Each structure stands twice: as structure tokens, then as C-alpha cells.
C-alpha atoms as a PDB file:
ATOM      1  CA  MET A   1       0.000   0.000   0.000  1.00  0.00           C
ATOM      2  CA  LYS A   2       1.356   3.421  -0.906  1.00  0.00           C
ATOM      3  CA  LYS A   3       1.662   6.156   1.702  1.00  0.00           C
ATOM      4  CA  ASN A   4      -1.046   8.351   0.125  1.00  0.00           C
ATOM      5  CA  GLU A   5      -3.473   5.452   0.026  1.00  0.00           C
ATOM      6  CA  PHE A   6      -2.678   4.543   3.639  1.00  0.00           C
ATOM      7  CA  ASN A   7      -3.182   8.149   4.780  1.00  0.00           C
ATOM      8  CA  LYS A   8      -6.570   8.328   3.044  1.00  0.00           C
ATOM      9  CA  LYS A   9      -7.732   5.027   4.552  1.00  0.00           C
ATOM     10  CA  LEU A  10      -6.519   6.016   8.004  1.00  0.00           C
ATOM     11  CA  GLY A  11      -8.248   9.377   7.717  1.00  0.00           C
ATOM     12  CA  MET A  12     -11.497   7.742   6.618  1.00  0.00           C
ATOM     13  CA  CYS A  13     -11.290   5.368   9.588  1.00  0.00           C
ATOM     14  CA  ILE A  14     -10.837   8.239  12.023  1.00  0.00           C
ATOM     15  CA  CYS A  15     -13.701  10.123  10.386  1.00  0.00           C
ATOM     16  CA  ARG A  16     -16.025   7.087  10.519  1.00  0.00           C
ATOM     17  CA  ILE A  17     -15.338   6.525  14.205  1.00  0.00           C
ATOM     18  CA  ARG A  18     -15.749  10.237  14.963  1.00  0.00           C
ATOM     19  CA  LEU A  19     -19.118  10.279  13.208  1.00  0.00           C
ATOM     20  CA  LYS A  20     -20.250   7.116  15.062  1.00  0.00           C
ATOM     21  CA  LYS A  21     -19.485   8.961  18.293  1.00  0.00           C
ATOM     22  CA  GLY A  22     -21.580  11.932  17.146  1.00  0.00           C
ATOM     23  CA  LEU A  23     -18.674  14.373  17.242  1.00  0.00           C
ATOM     24  CA  THR A  24     -17.829  17.142  14.810  1.00  0.00           C
ATOM     25  CA  GLN A  25     -14.334  18.069  13.705  1.00  0.00           C
ATOM     26  CA  VAL A  26     -14.685  21.161  15.889  1.00  0.00           C
ATOM     27  CA  ASP A  27     -15.553  18.968  18.892  1.00  0.00           C
ATOM     28  CA  VAL A  28     -12.506  16.759  18.312  1.00  0.00           C
ATOM     29  CA  SER A  29     -10.215  19.728  17.732  1.00  0.00           C
ATOM     30  CA  ALA A  30     -11.332  21.253  21.040  1.00  0.00           C
ATOM     31  CA  LEU A  31     -10.699  17.968  22.872  1.00  0.00           C
ATOM     32  CA  LEU A  32      -7.266  17.609  21.250  1.00  0.00           C
ATOM     33  CA  GLY A  33      -6.253  21.254  21.557  1.00  0.00           C
ATOM     34  CA  ASN A  34      -5.758  21.413  17.800  1.00  0.00           C
ATOM     35  CA  ASN A  35      -7.520  23.349  15.077  1.00  0.00           C
ATOM     36  CA  PRO A  36     -10.372  21.966  12.947  1.00  0.00           C
ATOM     37  CA  GLN A  37      -8.367  22.486   9.746  1.00  0.00           C
ATOM     38  CA  ASN A  38      -5.744  19.968  10.910  1.00  0.00           C
ATOM     39  CA  ILE A  39      -8.441  17.446  11.807  1.00  0.00           C
ATOM     40  CA  SER A  40      -9.901  17.902   8.335  1.00  0.00           C
ATOM     41  CA  ARG A  41      -6.496  17.436   6.686  1.00  0.00           C
ATOM     42  CA  ILE A  42      -5.897  14.223   8.632  1.00  0.00           C
ATOM     43  CA  GLU A  43      -9.359  12.858   7.795  1.00  0.00           C
ATOM     44  CA  ARG A  44      -8.873  13.650   4.085  1.00  0.00           C
ATOM     45  CA  GLY A  45      -5.482  11.928   4.110  1.00  0.00           C
ATOM     46  CA  LEU A  46      -3.555  15.081   3.259  1.00  0.00           C
ATOM     47  CA  ILE A  47      -1.282  14.760   6.268  1.00  0.00           C
ATOM     48  CA  SER A  48      -0.119  11.723   8.168  1.00  0.00           C
ATOM     49  CA  PRO A  49      -0.796  11.822  11.903  1.00  0.00           C
ATOM     50  CA  THR A  50       1.976  10.703  14.218  1.00  0.00           C
ATOM     51  CA  LEU A  51       1.407   7.912  16.712  1.00  0.00           C
ATOM     52  CA  PHE A  52       1.097  10.637  19.336  1.00  0.00           C
ATOM     53  CA  TRP A  53      -1.936  12.068  17.513  1.00  0.00           C
ATOM     54  CA  ILE A  54      -3.441   8.653  16.792  1.00  0.00           C
ATOM     55  CA  PHE A  55      -3.202   7.826  20.502  1.00  0.00           C
ATOM     56  CA  ASN A  56      -4.834  11.145  21.379  1.00  0.00           C
ATOM     57  CA  PHE A  57      -7.571  10.669  18.767  1.00  0.00           C
ATOM     58  CA  ALA A  58      -8.346   7.290  20.337  1.00  0.00           C
ATOM     59  CA  LYS A  59      -8.385   8.783  23.815  1.00  0.00           C
ATOM     60  CA  CYS A  60     -10.777  11.588  22.867  1.00  0.00           C
ATOM     61  CA  LEU A  61     -12.987   9.145  20.923  1.00  0.00           C
ATOM     62  CA  GLU A  62     -12.964   6.864  23.997  1.00  0.00           C
ATOM     63  CA  ILE A  63     -11.653   3.841  22.110  1.00  0.00           C
ATOM     64  CA  HIS A  64      -8.515   1.727  22.185  1.00  0.00           C
ATOM     65  CA  PRO A  65      -6.009   2.805  19.488  1.00  0.00           C
ATOM     66  CA  ASP A  66      -6.286  -0.696  17.986  1.00  0.00           C
ATOM     67  CA  GLU A  67      -9.821   0.110  16.890  1.00  0.00           C
ATOM     68  CA  ILE A  68      -8.519   2.764  14.496  1.00  0.00           C
ATOM     69  CA  PHE A  69      -6.220   0.229  12.857  1.00  0.00           C
ATOM     70  CA  LYS A  70      -8.886  -2.497  12.825  1.00  0.00           C
ATOM     71  CA  GLU A  71     -10.998  -0.196  10.673  1.00  0.00           C
ATOM     72  CA  LEU A  72      -8.191  -0.170   8.080  1.00  0.00           C
ATOM     73  CA  ASP A  73      -8.857  -3.846   7.326  1.00  0.00           C
ATOM     74  CA  GLU A  74     -12.535  -3.341   6.531  1.00  0.00           C
END
């Protein structure tokens, strides 16, 4: 899998989980102390989040980080 493809899939996974939780990008950005534009860029696969951010996404979405990666297989 190429990096761009991986980033897009990862971003879609984060977005899907966020939507299941009923949160907006603004909600997540407030919880993470980041700006909504960065959340949007990550969800669209334009930037690759570090493990630090993936861990924090999982924490604010109240899931185990594994769940984000499990979504990649679907």
C-alpha cells in the first residue's frame, strides 16, 4: 500500500469513528487542543498523523487505538 493510500484510509477510519461517536471536527479539535483544519487534513489523508496524535484521537474518541487500525482492514 502506498503512503497516500494509507493516509486516506486512516483518515477515513478516524472520520467514521468520529461520526459514530456523534462528534464534529470542531468537537474533536477542542478535545485535542488542535484546530479543525488539521483534523480535516488528517481525515482527508492530506497529512499523516503521528502515533502521538493517533493515541490522542483514540483517547478523545474513547476507544482503544487498535480500533482505528482495525478499521483499516474493513
